Amino acid sequence: MVEAIPTVLALAAAALMVFAVLSMNWGQFTVAGLSFLGAALLIYFRETRL
């Protein structure tokens, strides 16, 4: 069975990466950088804490 919390965190990280790429396209580089940072932190916590 699929574990719910790691799956949700992976989907959230993927959504943040998509949002970051779109933000770069719109010229919002600070928002894009923070989105990439958030995605990286989600992946880090998913891999080390769960």
PDB file of N, CA and C in Angstrom:
ATOM      1  N   MET A   1       0.838  -1.189   0.000  1.00  0.00           N
ATOM      2  CA  MET A   1       0.000   0.000   0.000  1.00  0.00           C
ATOM      3  C   MET A   1       0.882   1.251   0.000  1.00  0.00           C
ATOM      4  N   VAL A   2       0.415   2.262  -0.653  1.00  0.00           N
ATOM      5  CA  VAL A   2       1.170   3.498  -0.766  1.00  0.00           C
ATOM      6  C   VAL A   2       1.081   4.270   0.544  1.00  0.00           C
ATOM      7  N   GLU A   3       2.225   4.767   1.016  1.00  0.00           N
ATOM      8  CA  GLU A   3       2.230   5.585   2.220  1.00  0.00           C
ATOM      9  C   GLU A   3       1.761   6.988   1.863  1.00  0.00           C
ATOM     10  N   ALA A   4       0.816   7.504   2.616  1.00  0.00           N
ATOM     11  CA  ALA A   4       0.148   8.753   2.254  1.00  0.00           C
ATOM     12  C   ALA A   4       1.046   9.972   2.418  1.00  0.00           C
ATOM     13  N   ILE A   5       1.719  10.109   3.547  1.00  0.00           N
ATOM     14  CA  ILE A   5       2.478  11.334   3.821  1.00  0.00           C
ATOM     15  C   ILE A   5       3.638  11.519   2.838  1.00  0.00           C
ATOM     16  N   PRO A   6       4.482  10.516   2.600  1.00  0.00           N
ATOM     17  CA  PRO A   6       5.551  10.712   1.613  1.00  0.00           C
ATOM     18  C   PRO A   6       5.017  11.019   0.212  1.00  0.00           C
ATOM     19  N   THR A   7       3.899  10.408  -0.149  1.00  0.00           N
ATOM     20  CA  THR A   7       3.320  10.656  -1.466  1.00  0.00           C
ATOM     21  C   THR A   7       2.825  12.096  -1.581  1.00  0.00           C
ATOM     22  N   VAL A   8       2.161  12.580  -0.554  1.00  0.00           N
ATOM     23  CA  VAL A   8       1.671  13.964  -0.550  1.00  0.00           C
ATOM     24  C   VAL A   8       2.843  14.940  -0.591  1.00  0.00           C
ATOM     25  N   LEU A   9       3.894  14.666   0.148  1.00  0.00           N
ATOM     26  CA  LEU A   9       5.064  15.552   0.126  1.00  0.00           C
ATOM     27  C   LEU A   9       5.738  15.556  -1.246  1.00  0.00           C
ATOM     28  N   ALA A  10       5.801  14.416  -1.898  1.00  0.00           N
ATOM     29  CA  ALA A  10       6.393  14.360  -3.236  1.00  0.00           C
ATOM     30  C   ALA A  10       5.546  15.139  -4.238  1.00  0.00           C
ATOM     31  N   LEU A  11       4.234  15.015  -4.151  1.00  0.00           N
ATOM     32  CA  LEU A  11       3.356  15.766  -5.048  1.00  0.00           C
ATOM     33  C   LEU A  11       3.447  17.265  -4.791  1.00  0.00           C
ATOM     34  N   ALA A  12       3.549  17.657  -3.519  1.00  0.00           N
ATOM     35  CA  ALA A  12       3.689  19.073  -3.187  1.00  0.00           C
ATOM     36  C   ALA A  12       5.012  19.625  -3.720  1.00  0.00           C
ATOM     37  N   ALA A  13       6.078  18.846  -3.614  1.00  0.00           N
ATOM     38  CA  ALA A  13       7.376  19.285  -4.135  1.00  0.00           C
ATOM     39  C   ALA A  13       7.326  19.439  -5.648  1.00  0.00           C
ATOM     40  N   ALA A  14       6.668  18.511  -6.326  1.00  0.00           N
ATOM     41  CA  ALA A  14       6.543  18.610  -7.781  1.00  0.00           C
ATOM     42  C   ALA A  14       5.718  19.834  -8.169  1.00  0.00           C
ATOM     43  N   ALA A  15       4.656  20.098  -7.425  1.00  0.00           N
ATOM     44  CA  ALA A  15       3.826  21.275  -7.711  1.00  0.00           C
ATOM     45  C   ALA A  15       4.615  22.558  -7.485  1.00  0.00           C
ATOM     46  N   LEU A  16       5.440  22.595  -6.438  1.00  0.00           N
ATOM     47  CA  LEU A  16       6.266  23.776  -6.194  1.00  0.00           C
ATOM     48  C   LEU A  16       7.281  23.987  -7.310  1.00  0.00           C
ATOM     49  N   MET A  17       7.826  22.908  -7.847  1.00  0.00           N
ATOM     50  CA  MET A  17       8.781  23.049  -8.948  1.00  0.00           C
ATOM     51  C   MET A  17       8.108  23.577 -10.210  1.00  0.00           C
ATOM     52  N   VAL A  18       6.913  23.086 -10.488  1.00  0.00           N
ATOM     53  CA  VAL A  18       6.165  23.598 -11.641  1.00  0.00           C
ATOM     54  C   VAL A  18       5.851  25.072 -11.452  1.00  0.00           C
ATOM     55  N   PHE A  19       5.422  25.431 -10.254  1.00  0.00           N
ATOM     56  CA  PHE A  19       5.121  26.831  -9.967  1.00  0.00           C
ATOM     57  C   PHE A  19       6.372  27.696 -10.095  1.00  0.00           C
ATOM     58  N   ALA A  20       7.520  27.165  -9.687  1.00  0.00           N
ATOM     59  CA  ALA A  20       8.769  27.914  -9.791  1.00  0.00           C
ATOM     60  C   ALA A  20       9.141  28.165 -11.248  1.00  0.00           C
ATOM     61  N   VAL A  21       8.972  27.158 -12.095  1.00  0.00           N
ATOM     62  CA  VAL A  21       9.277  27.338 -13.515  1.00  0.00           C
ATOM     63  C   VAL A  21       8.334  28.366 -14.132  1.00  0.00           C
ATOM     64  N   LEU A  22       7.070  28.300 -13.780  1.00  0.00           N
ATOM     65  CA  LEU A  22       6.122  29.299 -14.277  1.00  0.00           C
ATOM     66  C   LEU A  22       6.473  30.693 -13.770  1.00  0.00           C
ATOM     67  N   SER A  23       6.894  30.799 -12.523  1.00  0.00           N
ATOM     68  CA  SER A  23       7.281  32.095 -11.967  1.00  0.00           C
ATOM     69  C   SER A  23       8.485  32.669 -12.704  1.00  0.00           C
ATOM     70  N   MET A  24       9.434  31.813 -13.066  1.00  0.00           N
ATOM     71  CA  MET A  24      10.579  32.298 -13.844  1.00  0.00           C
ATOM     72  C   MET A  24      10.119  32.809 -15.203  1.00  0.00           C
ATOM     73  N   ASN A  25       9.163  32.125 -15.792  1.00  0.00           N
ATOM     74  CA  ASN A  25       8.637  32.543 -17.088  1.00  0.00           C
ATOM     75  C   ASN A  25       7.960  33.913 -16.986  1.00  0.00           C
ATOM     76  N   TRP A  26       7.324  34.186 -15.845  1.00  0.00           N
ATOM     77  CA  TRP A  26       6.636  35.455 -15.628  1.00  0.00           C
ATOM     78  C   TRP A  26       7.569  36.552 -15.137  1.00  0.00           C
ATOM     79  N   GLY A  27       8.839  36.233 -14.884  1.00  0.00           N
ATOM     80  CA  GLY A  27       9.803  37.224 -14.438  1.00  0.00           C
ATOM     81  C   GLY A  27       9.850  37.419 -12.937  1.00  0.00           C
ATOM     82  N   GLN A  28       9.206  36.566 -12.192  1.00  0.00           N
ATOM     83  CA  GLN A  28       9.194  36.644 -10.731  1.00  0.00           C
ATOM     84  C   GLN A  28      10.280  35.724 -10.168  1.00  0.00           C
ATOM     85  N   PHE A  29      11.535  36.189 -10.238  1.00  0.00           N
ATOM     86  CA  PHE A  29      12.657  35.320  -9.894  1.00  0.00           C
ATOM     87  C   PHE A  29      12.779  35.066  -8.400  1.00  0.00           C
ATOM     88  N   THR A  30      12.379  36.013  -7.574  1.00  0.00           N
ATOM     89  CA  THR A  30      12.419  35.796  -6.127  1.00  0.00           C
ATOM     90  C   THR A  30      11.418  34.723  -5.726  1.00  0.00           C
ATOM     91  N   VAL A  31      10.221  34.803  -6.279  1.00  0.00           N
ATOM     92  CA  VAL A  31       9.190  33.800  -5.998  1.00  0.00           C
ATOM     93  C   VAL A  31       9.649  32.431  -6.497  1.00  0.00           C
ATOM     94  N   ALA A  32      10.271  32.405  -7.670  1.00  0.00           N
ATOM     95  CA  ALA A  32      10.768  31.139  -8.214  1.00  0.00           C
ATOM     96  C   ALA A  32      11.847  30.544  -7.318  1.00  0.00           C
ATOM     97  N   GLY A  33      12.764  31.376  -6.864  1.00  0.00           N
ATOM     98  CA  GLY A  33      13.822  30.889  -5.985  1.00  0.00           C
ATOM     99  C   GLY A  33      13.284  30.337  -4.679  1.00  0.00           C
ATOM    100  N   LEU A  34      12.316  31.028  -4.104  1.00  0.00           N
ATOM    101  CA  LEU A  34      11.716  30.546  -2.861  1.00  0.00           C
ATOM    102  C   LEU A  34      10.918  29.268  -3.088  1.00  0.00           C
ATOM    103  N   SER A  35      10.315  29.144  -4.242  1.00  0.00           N
ATOM    104  CA  SER A  35       9.575  27.919  -4.557  1.00  0.00           C
ATOM    105  C   SER A  35      10.523  26.737  -4.708  1.00  0.00           C
ATOM    106  N   PHE A  36      11.651  26.951  -5.393  1.00  0.00           N
ATOM    107  CA  PHE A  36      12.650  25.885  -5.506  1.00  0.00           C
ATOM    108  C   PHE A  36      13.212  25.521  -4.134  1.00  0.00           C
ATOM    109  N   LEU A  37      13.444  26.522  -3.297  1.00  0.00           N
ATOM    110  CA  LEU A  37      13.934  26.256  -1.940  1.00  0.00           C
ATOM    111  C   LEU A  37      12.922  25.433  -1.154  1.00  0.00           C
ATOM    112  N   GLY A  38      11.663  25.812  -1.239  1.00  0.00           N
ATOM    113  CA  GLY A  38      10.622  25.062  -0.541  1.00  0.00           C
ATOM    114  C   GLY A  38      10.529  23.623  -1.028  1.00  0.00           C
ATOM    115  N   ALA A  39      10.636  23.439  -2.336  1.00  0.00           N
ATOM    116  CA  ALA A  39      10.589  22.083  -2.883  1.00  0.00           C
ATOM    117  C   ALA A  39      11.787  21.265  -2.408  1.00  0.00           C
ATOM    118  N   ALA A  40      12.953  21.886  -2.383  1.00  0.00           N
ATOM    119  CA  ALA A  40      14.145  21.176  -1.920  1.00  0.00           C
ATOM    120  C   ALA A  40      14.020  20.788  -0.448  1.00  0.00           C
ATOM    121  N   LEU A  41      13.470  21.670   0.359  1.00  0.00           N
ATOM    122  CA  LEU A  41      13.282  21.353   1.774  1.00  0.00           C
ATOM    123  C   LEU A  41      12.263  20.239   1.970  1.00  0.00           C
ATOM    124  N   LEU A  42      11.197  20.259   1.192  1.00  0.00           N
ATOM    125  CA  LEU A  42      10.220  19.174   1.278  1.00  0.00           C
ATOM    126  C   LEU A  42      10.849  17.829   0.926  1.00  0.00           C
ATOM    127  N   ILE A  43      11.640  17.810  -0.123  1.00  0.00           N
ATOM    128  CA  ILE A  43      12.303  16.567  -0.524  1.00  0.00           C
ATOM    129  C   ILE A  43      13.285  16.116   0.554  1.00  0.00           C
ATOM    130  N   TYR A  44      14.031  17.067   1.118  1.00  0.00           N
ATOM    131  CA  TYR A  44      14.990  16.730   2.172  1.00  0.00           C
ATOM    132  C   TYR A  44      14.282  16.115   3.375  1.00  0.00           C
ATOM    133  N   PHE A  45      13.221  16.764   3.852  1.00  0.00           N
ATOM    134  CA  PHE A  45      12.502  16.236   5.017  1.00  0.00           C
ATOM    135  C   PHE A  45      11.814  14.909   4.704  1.00  0.00           C
ATOM    136  N   ARG A  46      11.353  14.759   3.487  1.00  0.00           N
ATOM    137  CA  ARG A  46      10.728  13.495   3.102  1.00  0.00           C
ATOM    138  C   ARG A  46      11.740  12.359   3.148  1.00  0.00           C
ATOM    139  N   GLU A  47      12.944  12.624   2.696  1.00  0.00           N
ATOM    140  CA  GLU A  47      13.948  11.562   2.638  1.00  0.00           C
ATOM    141  C   GLU A  47      14.617  11.287   3.983  1.00  0.00           C
ATOM    142  N   THR A  48      14.734  12.290   4.834  1.00  0.00           N
ATOM    143  CA  THR A  48      15.470  12.081   6.069  1.00  0.00           C
ATOM    144  C   THR A  48      14.576  11.818   7.272  1.00  0.00           C
ATOM    145  N   ARG A  49      13.366  12.310   7.283  1.00  0.00           N
ATOM    146  CA  ARG A  49      12.515  12.200   8.458  1.00  0.00           C
ATOM    147  C   ARG A  49      11.481  11.095   8.374  1.00  0.00           C
ATOM    148  N   LEU A  50      11.147  10.659   7.160  1.00  0.00           N
ATOM    149  CA  LEU A  50      10.076   9.651   7.027  1.00  0.00           C
ATOM    150  C   LEU A  50      10.627   8.318   6.602  1.00  0.00           C
TER     151      LEU A  50
END
